[in-house]
Amino acid sequence: MSLHSTIITGFRALGLLYFDDNPNKTTISKLYIFYTFIAILMGVLLIMTEFIALTFSLNDPNEFAKATFLLLPNIVCLTKYLNIIIERKNIKKLMSYSKRDQFKPRDSVEVKILESFKYQIKVLFWTYGILVIGSLSILVISSCINDVPKKLYHYNIWFPVFLTQNYFYFMTFFYQHFTTAYYANVNVTFDTFIASLMMETQAHLQILKYRFSKINDNYEENINITSTINEKIHLERKYLIDCVEYYFSIHEFARLANKTFQNSIFLQFFVSTFVVCVSTFQLFYMVPLSEDFIALISFVLCMLAEIFIYCNYADNVTSEVYILNYFIKSIMMIYKKTNKKKLFFYSENISTSIFNTNWPMLSIYNRKIFAIIMMIVQKPIIYTSRYFVTLSLNDFLRLLKLSYSLLSVLRNY
């Protein structure tokens, strides 16, 4: 079951993904490559014109800040675009994991878990998309009201003089906002794709937890009264080894996803810290509830939502591994009344499966395997951005504190 069908469709519409294994390029694939090239060229030209405008505003701090705080996000968006194109093989490999035997749902409970996360991914995609499109709509409306009558651009951009006059102005004005909107959609699709990979990892960790709880049930369904002790041990070991292989596959999936996108995530963290700081600084000099004020507020919210999505879903995966670790430890203990409060405190939704697990019925050899599995899952799945930043809610709070510190320095300066 693919959890990313909506996002993959978005990628293909934006010219990012076209899985064509045919070495002889067809006409459609050539047109698609040309479409991708045009999209990259649009982004590069926009960044170049904004960078040239930036060099002309070095003597004016306010103009410099205004030119910078959109230039950097555009650079990040173009980086994400190129990241998807360069890493197409790894993305295709990530998509192929769902075809592995361990990743396929085996009963209605597992199907329900995957469908639940697929629904969450769709909700995230459309909610985040509406937030970004709404922010862009406010920006465009504000620009049309304030800038068009004066033949100005909402953000500093440099064009030859003849392109800023007469009907050429409307062409360049449309180009600026269209390219910004296009790469904003790239940003939405990229961010929700990373979050969806994290959510898929979390879904499979929950399925793994469920399979551990079903080991004895599967064993009792498939064992015969006439089976020898060796046959019973072999059957027990089969289910345990299947769970271990599943865990290693999940770990490999998460590591590949992190490796594929960690450079873009690191750049996003760096830029978001700076942009949130500069944008908040500009708010102090704006008229409250004006068009520009509301547009900038919505932009800051989008930047914060972007980082929060990474940190929140990465934190969920890490927490799920700790729950799995605790779950296996609980399997290895005989239930005592003193454990009841601790289990409910850690994760209320796994208590029933823990209490229903009949691990003492396993052979001594396979109980030892359980102990080994418990040691294996001690290492959590942690998402990082170039080993400098760990994606978690604690790091999200640190980013906010860092932005506030930089804002204080700017205000005092």
Protein backbone atom coordinates (compact mmCIF):
# COMPACT_ATOMS: atom_id res chain seq x y z
CA MET A 1 0.00 0.00 0.00
CA SER A 2 1.50 3.33 -1.07
CA LEU A 3 1.04 6.17 1.42
CA HIS A 4 2.45 8.87 -0.85
CA SER A 5 0.23 8.72 -3.95
CA THR A 6 -1.08 12.30 -3.50
CA ILE A 7 2.40 13.74 -3.00
CA ILE A 8 3.94 11.79 -5.88
CA THR A 9 1.19 13.17 -8.14
CA GLY A 10 2.14 16.65 -6.96
CA PHE A 11 5.81 16.00 -7.73
CA ARG A 12 4.98 14.86 -11.24
CA ALA A 13 2.77 17.88 -11.87
CA LEU A 14 5.67 20.14 -10.83
CA GLY A 15 8.15 18.42 -13.15
CA LEU A 16 10.08 16.67 -10.40
CA LEU A 17 9.47 12.95 -10.83
CA TYR A 18 9.12 10.96 -14.00
CA PHE A 19 10.10 7.33 -13.48
CA ASP A 20 11.01 6.20 -16.97
CA ASP A 21 13.22 3.11 -17.10
CA ASN A 22 13.19 3.07 -20.89
CA PRO A 23 16.69 4.06 -22.11
CA ASN A 24 15.19 5.30 -25.40
CA LYS A 25 13.57 8.61 -24.48
CA THR A 26 10.07 9.03 -25.86
CA THR A 27 8.62 12.33 -27.05
CA ILE A 28 6.63 12.69 -23.81
CA SER A 29 9.70 12.12 -21.63
CA LYS A 30 11.69 14.67 -23.67
CA LEU A 31 8.92 17.24 -23.24
CA TYR A 32 8.85 16.50 -19.54
CA ILE A 33 12.61 17.05 -19.27
CA PHE A 34 12.20 20.35 -21.13
CA TYR A 35 9.44 21.35 -18.69
CA THR A 36 11.75 20.59 -15.77
CA PHE A 37 14.55 22.63 -17.38
CA ILE A 38 12.22 25.63 -17.84
CA ALA A 39 11.17 25.42 -14.19
CA ILE A 40 14.82 25.41 -13.05
CA LEU A 41 15.64 28.30 -15.38
CA MET A 42 12.75 30.34 -13.95
CA GLY A 43 14.05 29.81 -10.43
CA VAL A 44 17.65 30.63 -11.32
CA LEU A 45 16.66 33.86 -13.12
CA LEU A 46 14.52 34.97 -10.18
CA ILE A 47 17.36 34.37 -7.73
CA MET A 48 19.84 36.19 -9.98
CA THR A 49 17.61 39.28 -10.32
CA GLU A 50 17.03 39.35 -6.55
CA PHE A 51 20.74 38.95 -5.84
CA ILE A 52 21.65 41.84 -8.17
CA ALA A 53 19.05 44.00 -6.41
CA LEU A 54 20.59 42.96 -3.10
CA THR A 55 24.02 44.30 -4.13
CA PHE A 56 22.46 47.71 -4.82
CA SER A 57 21.01 47.94 -1.31
CA LEU A 58 24.11 47.28 0.78
CA ASN A 59 24.12 50.84 2.15
CA ASP A 60 20.50 50.68 3.34
CA PRO A 61 19.92 48.16 6.20
CA ASN A 62 16.12 48.15 5.78
CA GLU A 63 16.27 47.57 2.03
CA PHE A 64 18.99 44.98 2.51
CA ALA A 65 16.85 43.05 5.00
CA LYS A 66 13.82 43.28 2.72
CA ALA A 67 15.83 41.97 -0.24
CA THR A 68 17.38 39.18 1.80
CA PHE A 69 14.39 37.67 3.50
CA LEU A 70 12.81 36.45 0.23
CA LEU A 71 16.05 35.71 -1.61
CA LEU A 72 17.13 33.07 0.92
CA PRO A 73 13.82 31.12 0.92
CA ASN A 74 13.90 31.10 -2.89
CA ILE A 75 17.41 29.65 -2.79
CA VAL A 76 16.17 26.95 -0.40
CA CYS A 77 13.21 26.15 -2.69
CA LEU A 78 15.49 25.79 -5.70
CA THR A 79 17.83 23.59 -3.64
CA LYS A 80 14.90 21.34 -2.72
CA TYR A 81 13.88 21.17 -6.37
CA LEU A 82 17.37 20.07 -7.39
CA ASN A 83 17.55 17.68 -4.43
CA ILE A 84 14.51 15.78 -5.71
CA ILE A 85 15.92 15.61 -9.25
CA ILE A 86 19.39 14.47 -8.16
CA GLU A 87 18.05 11.89 -5.70
CA ARG A 88 15.46 10.33 -8.00
CA LYS A 89 17.07 6.90 -7.71
CA ASN A 90 16.98 6.99 -3.91
CA ILE A 91 13.37 8.21 -3.96
CA LYS A 92 12.45 5.35 -6.28
CA LYS A 93 14.21 2.97 -3.89
CA LEU A 94 12.25 4.41 -0.95
CA MET A 95 9.01 3.87 -2.84
CA SER A 96 9.99 0.25 -3.56
CA TYR A 97 10.10 -0.61 0.16
CA SER A 98 6.30 -0.85 0.21
CA LYS A 99 6.60 -3.84 -2.17
CA ARG A 100 8.76 -5.82 0.26
CA ASP A 101 7.10 -8.74 2.00
CA GLN A 102 7.69 -7.32 5.51
CA PHE A 103 6.14 -3.96 4.56
CA LYS A 104 2.94 -5.47 3.14
CA PRO A 105 -0.04 -5.58 5.54
CA ARG A 106 -0.97 -9.09 6.63
CA ASP A 107 -4.36 -8.60 8.23
CA SER A 108 -7.11 -6.03 8.68
CA VAL A 109 -5.43 -4.42 11.71
CA GLU A 110 -2.28 -3.63 9.76
CA VAL A 111 -4.32 -2.32 6.83
CA LYS A 112 -6.19 -0.06 9.24
CA ILE A 113 -2.92 1.33 10.64
CA LEU A 114 -1.61 2.15 7.17
CA GLU A 115 -4.91 3.68 6.05
CA SER A 116 -4.94 5.86 9.16
CA PHE A 117 -1.50 7.27 8.35
CA LYS A 118 -2.39 7.68 4.68
CA TYR A 119 -5.34 9.83 5.72
CA GLN A 120 -3.09 11.88 8.04
CA ILE A 121 -0.66 12.49 5.17
CA LYS A 122 -3.46 13.76 2.93
CA VAL A 123 -4.75 16.06 5.69
CA LEU A 124 -1.25 17.44 6.25
CA PHE A 125 -0.69 17.98 2.53
CA TRP A 126 -3.90 19.93 1.98
CA THR A 127 -3.77 21.84 5.28
CA TYR A 128 -0.20 22.98 4.77
CA GLY A 129 -0.92 23.73 1.12
CA ILE A 130 -3.93 25.90 2.01
CA LEU A 131 -1.81 27.78 4.58
CA VAL A 132 0.91 28.53 2.02
CA ILE A 133 -1.49 29.39 -0.83
CA GLY A 134 -3.45 31.61 1.53
CA SER A 135 -0.27 33.42 2.52
CA LEU A 136 0.67 33.88 -1.14
CA SER A 137 -2.80 35.17 -1.98
CA ILE A 138 -2.53 37.83 0.71
CA LEU A 139 0.90 38.80 -0.61
CA VAL A 140 -0.31 39.10 -4.23
CA ILE A 141 -3.40 41.09 -3.27
CA SER A 142 -1.30 43.43 -1.15
CA SER A 143 1.17 43.87 -4.02
CA CYS A 144 -1.58 44.56 -6.56
CA ILE A 145 -3.09 47.24 -4.32
CA ASN A 146 0.11 48.99 -3.29
CA ASP A 147 2.69 48.29 -6.00
CA VAL A 148 0.92 48.12 -9.36
CA PRO A 149 -0.29 51.76 -9.37
CA LYS A 150 3.28 52.91 -8.68
CA LYS A 151 4.85 50.41 -11.12
CA LEU A 152 6.88 48.86 -8.29
CA TYR A 153 7.68 45.28 -7.26
CA HIS A 154 6.70 43.82 -3.91
CA TYR A 155 10.25 42.54 -3.31
CA ASN A 156 13.48 44.01 -4.55
CA ILE A 157 14.23 42.68 -7.99
CA TRP A 158 16.46 43.98 -10.78
CA PHE A 159 15.49 44.09 -14.45
CA PRO A 160 16.84 46.15 -17.35
CA VAL A 161 15.03 49.49 -17.54
CA PHE A 162 13.04 48.65 -20.67
CA LEU A 163 11.53 45.60 -18.89
CA THR A 164 10.12 47.79 -16.11
CA GLN A 165 8.15 50.11 -18.38
CA ASN A 166 4.81 49.92 -20.18
CA TYR A 167 3.38 46.43 -20.65
CA PHE A 168 6.79 44.84 -19.95
CA TYR A 169 6.25 45.79 -16.31
CA PHE A 170 3.13 43.62 -16.09
CA MET A 171 5.02 40.71 -17.65
CA THR A 172 7.86 40.94 -15.13
CA PHE A 173 5.40 41.52 -12.28
CA PHE A 174 3.51 38.37 -13.26
CA TYR A 175 6.79 36.44 -13.67
CA GLN A 176 7.92 37.32 -10.14
CA HIS A 177 4.70 36.23 -8.46
CA PHE A 178 4.14 33.19 -10.68
CA THR A 179 7.66 31.84 -10.04
CA THR A 180 7.31 32.51 -6.31
CA ALA A 181 3.97 30.66 -6.26
CA TYR A 182 5.39 27.76 -8.29
CA TYR A 183 8.33 27.24 -5.93
CA ALA A 184 6.07 27.67 -2.92
CA ASN A 185 4.14 24.64 -4.19
CA VAL A 186 7.44 22.81 -4.62
CA ASN A 187 8.18 23.67 -1.00
CA VAL A 188 4.81 22.33 0.18
CA THR A 189 5.21 19.07 -1.71
CA PHE A 190 8.81 18.57 -0.58
CA ASP A 191 8.08 19.24 3.09
CA THR A 192 5.00 17.03 3.22
CA PHE A 193 6.93 14.27 1.41
CA ILE A 194 9.61 14.25 4.11
CA ALA A 195 6.91 14.26 6.79
CA SER A 196 5.11 11.41 5.01
CA LEU A 197 8.30 9.31 4.99
CA MET A 198 8.58 9.89 8.74
CA MET A 199 4.92 8.97 9.19
CA GLU A 200 5.41 5.80 7.15
CA THR A 201 8.31 4.85 9.43
CA GLN A 202 6.09 5.43 12.46
CA ALA A 203 3.29 3.36 10.91
CA HIS A 204 5.58 0.39 10.34
CA LEU A 205 6.95 0.64 13.88
CA GLN A 206 3.38 0.37 15.15
CA ILE A 207 2.79 -2.62 12.89
CA LEU A 208 5.99 -4.22 14.21
CA LYS A 209 4.75 -3.70 17.76
CA TYR A 210 1.48 -5.38 16.77
CA ARG A 211 3.32 -8.33 15.19
CA PHE A 212 5.33 -8.86 18.37
CA SER A 213 2.07 -9.06 20.30
CA LYS A 214 0.70 -11.63 17.81
CA ILE A 215 3.67 -14.00 17.91
CA ASN A 216 2.02 -16.43 20.30
CA ASP A 217 -1.31 -16.30 18.47
CA ASN A 218 0.38 -17.13 15.17
CA TYR A 219 2.34 -19.87 16.89
CA GLU A 220 -0.76 -21.52 18.37
CA GLU A 221 -2.61 -21.32 15.04
CA ASN A 222 0.15 -23.09 13.10
CA ILE A 223 1.50 -25.63 15.61
CA ASN A 224 0.28 -29.24 15.74
CA ILE A 225 -0.10 -31.40 18.82
CA THR A 226 2.16 -34.02 17.24
CA SER A 227 4.94 -31.54 16.47
CA THR A 228 8.33 -32.25 18.00
CA ILE A 229 10.10 -29.83 20.31
CA ASN A 230 12.57 -28.87 17.57
CA GLU A 231 9.71 -28.11 15.19
CA LYS A 232 8.06 -25.90 17.82
CA ILE A 233 11.32 -24.03 18.48
CA HIS A 234 11.87 -23.59 14.74
CA LEU A 235 8.36 -22.14 14.28
CA GLU A 236 8.83 -19.75 17.21
CA ARG A 237 12.19 -18.67 15.82
CA LYS A 238 10.65 -18.08 12.38
CA TYR A 239 8.22 -15.47 13.76
CA LEU A 240 10.90 -13.79 15.86
CA ILE A 241 13.37 -13.61 12.96
CA ASP A 242 10.63 -12.15 10.75
CA CYS A 243 10.11 -9.35 13.29
CA VAL A 244 13.85 -8.69 13.54
CA GLU A 245 14.21 -8.49 9.75
CA TYR A 246 11.23 -6.14 9.65
CA TYR A 247 12.86 -3.87 12.25
CA PHE A 248 16.13 -3.75 10.31
CA SER A 249 14.23 -2.90 7.11
CA ILE A 250 12.44 -0.05 8.90
CA HIS A 251 15.77 1.23 10.22
CA GLU A 252 17.30 1.04 6.75
CA PHE A 253 14.31 2.89 5.27
CA ALA A 254 14.58 5.71 7.83
CA ARG A 255 18.36 6.00 7.36
CA LEU A 256 18.03 6.26 3.57
CA ALA A 257 15.30 8.90 3.87
CA ASN A 258 17.42 10.96 6.25
CA LYS A 259 20.53 10.65 4.08
CA THR A 260 18.62 11.68 0.94
CA PHE A 261 17.25 14.97 2.30
CA GLN A 262 19.52 16.00 5.17
CA ASN A 263 21.36 18.72 3.21
CA SER A 264 18.13 20.49 2.25
CA ILE A 265 16.80 20.20 5.80
CA PHE A 266 19.99 21.72 7.22
CA LEU A 267 19.81 24.64 4.79
CA GLN A 268 16.13 25.12 5.66
CA PHE A 269 16.96 25.28 9.38
CA PHE A 270 19.67 27.88 8.83
CA VAL A 271 17.53 30.07 6.55
CA SER A 272 14.41 29.79 8.72
CA THR A 273 16.28 31.06 11.77
CA PHE A 274 17.51 34.10 9.88
CA VAL A 275 14.25 34.81 8.02
CA VAL A 276 12.03 34.52 11.11
CA CYS A 277 14.35 36.92 12.91
CA VAL A 278 14.48 39.50 10.09
CA SER A 279 10.76 39.24 9.37
CA THR A 280 9.86 39.78 13.03
CA PHE A 281 12.25 42.74 13.12
CA GLN A 282 10.43 44.30 10.16
CA LEU A 283 7.07 43.89 11.90
CA PHE A 284 8.11 46.46 14.51
CA TYR A 285 8.27 49.14 11.81
CA MET A 286 4.98 48.33 10.08
CA VAL A 287 1.49 49.68 10.66
CA PRO A 288 -0.47 47.01 12.56
CA LEU A 289 -3.16 45.21 10.53
CA SER A 290 -2.00 46.82 7.28
CA GLU A 291 -1.79 44.72 4.10
CA ASP A 292 1.99 44.38 4.38
CA PHE A 293 1.75 43.55 8.09
CA ILE A 294 -0.76 40.73 7.52
CA ALA A 295 1.22 39.39 4.54
CA LEU A 296 4.42 39.28 6.60
CA ILE A 297 2.69 37.64 9.56
CA SER A 298 1.36 34.89 7.29
CA PHE A 299 4.83 34.44 5.78
CA VAL A 300 6.41 34.01 9.23
CA LEU A 301 3.73 31.46 10.16
CA CYS A 302 4.54 29.46 7.03
CA MET A 303 8.26 29.44 7.88
CA LEU A 304 7.55 28.27 11.44
CA ALA A 305 5.10 25.62 10.20
CA GLU A 306 7.77 24.34 7.81
CA ILE A 307 10.26 23.64 10.59
CA PHE A 308 7.60 22.41 12.99
CA ILE A 309 6.50 19.74 10.47
CA TYR A 310 10.05 18.34 10.30
CA CYS A 311 10.58 18.39 14.05
CA ASN A 312 7.16 17.09 15.09
CA TYR A 313 7.05 14.02 12.85
CA ALA A 314 10.71 13.16 13.43
CA ASP A 315 10.05 13.38 17.17
CA ASN A 316 7.06 11.03 16.76
CA VAL A 317 9.29 8.41 15.09
CA THR A 318 11.90 8.64 17.85
CA SER A 319 9.20 8.34 20.52
CA GLU A 320 7.72 5.31 18.72
CA VAL A 321 11.08 3.52 18.91
CA TYR A 322 11.31 4.21 22.63
CA ILE A 323 7.76 2.83 22.99
CA LEU A 324 8.77 -0.27 21.02
CA ASN A 325 11.81 -0.71 23.24
CA TYR A 326 9.71 -0.40 26.36
CA PHE A 327 7.13 -2.73 24.84
CA ILE A 328 9.69 -5.51 24.33
CA LYS A 329 11.07 -5.00 27.81
CA SER A 330 7.54 -5.40 29.16
CA ILE A 331 7.18 -8.67 27.26
CA MET A 332 10.23 -9.93 29.10
CA MET A 333 8.73 -9.13 32.54
CA ILE A 334 6.09 -11.03 34.46
CA TYR A 335 3.18 -8.67 34.96
CA LYS A 336 3.11 -7.05 38.40
CA LYS A 337 0.69 -4.54 39.82
CA THR A 338 3.52 -2.05 40.32
CA ASN A 339 4.07 -1.90 36.56
CA LYS A 340 0.53 -0.92 35.70
CA LYS A 341 0.91 2.78 36.39
CA LYS A 342 4.23 2.94 34.55
CA LEU A 343 2.81 1.28 31.43
CA PHE A 344 -0.13 3.64 31.23
CA PHE A 345 2.16 6.62 31.75
CA TYR A 346 4.46 5.65 28.90
CA SER A 347 1.90 4.74 26.24
CA GLU A 348 -1.68 4.04 27.04
CA ASN A 349 -2.49 2.45 23.66
CA ILE A 350 -0.05 -0.48 24.03
CA SER A 351 -1.09 -1.63 27.50
CA THR A 352 -3.68 -4.17 26.29
CA SER A 353 -1.30 -5.87 23.86
CA ILE A 354 1.40 -6.00 26.55
CA PHE A 355 -0.88 -7.68 29.08
CA ASN A 356 -2.17 -10.18 26.50
CA THR A 357 1.31 -11.30 25.38
CA ASN A 358 2.07 -14.82 26.64
CA TRP A 359 5.83 -14.79 26.28
CA PRO A 360 6.54 -17.43 29.03
CA MET A 361 5.07 -20.05 26.68
CA LEU A 362 8.07 -19.62 24.35
CA SER A 363 11.07 -21.90 24.64
CA ILE A 364 14.11 -20.81 26.68
CA TYR A 365 16.12 -20.38 23.48
CA ASN A 366 13.57 -18.01 21.97
CA ARG A 367 13.20 -16.09 25.22
CA LYS A 368 16.92 -15.37 24.85
CA ILE A 369 16.23 -14.13 21.32
CA PHE A 370 13.69 -11.74 22.84
CA ALA A 371 16.45 -10.41 25.09
CA ILE A 372 18.71 -9.89 22.08
CA ILE A 373 15.93 -8.06 20.24
CA MET A 374 15.52 -5.82 23.28
CA MET A 375 19.21 -4.88 23.00
CA ILE A 376 18.91 -4.27 19.23
CA VAL A 377 16.15 -1.70 19.56
CA GLN A 378 18.08 0.29 22.18
CA LYS A 379 19.35 2.49 19.34
CA PRO A 380 16.55 4.90 18.38
CA ILE A 381 15.75 6.20 14.92
CA ILE A 382 16.82 9.85 15.00
CA TYR A 383 16.56 12.23 12.04
CA THR A 384 19.34 14.80 11.71
CA SER A 385 20.34 17.60 9.37
CA ARG A 386 24.02 17.17 8.54
CA TYR A 387 24.71 15.90 12.08
CA PHE A 388 24.46 19.45 13.47
CA VAL A 389 20.76 19.55 14.31
CA THR A 390 18.59 16.74 15.60
CA LEU A 391 15.01 16.98 14.37
CA SER A 392 12.88 17.09 17.51
CA LEU A 393 10.48 19.40 19.28
CA ASN A 394 13.27 20.42 21.66
CA ASP A 395 15.34 21.62 18.72
CA PHE A 396 12.32 23.50 17.38
CA LEU A 397 12.17 25.40 20.66
CA ARG A 398 15.91 26.06 20.45
CA LEU A 399 15.41 27.54 16.98
CA LEU A 400 12.75 29.89 18.34
CA LYS A 401 15.05 30.94 21.17
CA LEU A 402 17.91 31.54 18.73
CA SER A 403 15.66 33.66 16.51
CA TYR A 404 14.56 35.69 19.51
CA SER A 405 18.19 36.21 20.57
CA LEU A 406 19.13 37.48 17.10
CA LEU A 407 16.07 39.74 17.12
CA SER A 408 17.18 41.25 20.43
CA VAL A 409 20.65 41.93 19.02
CA LEU A 410 19.16 43.65 15.94
CA ARG A 411 16.85 45.83 18.02
CA ASN A 412 19.66 46.92 20.33
CA TYR A 413 21.90 47.62 17.35
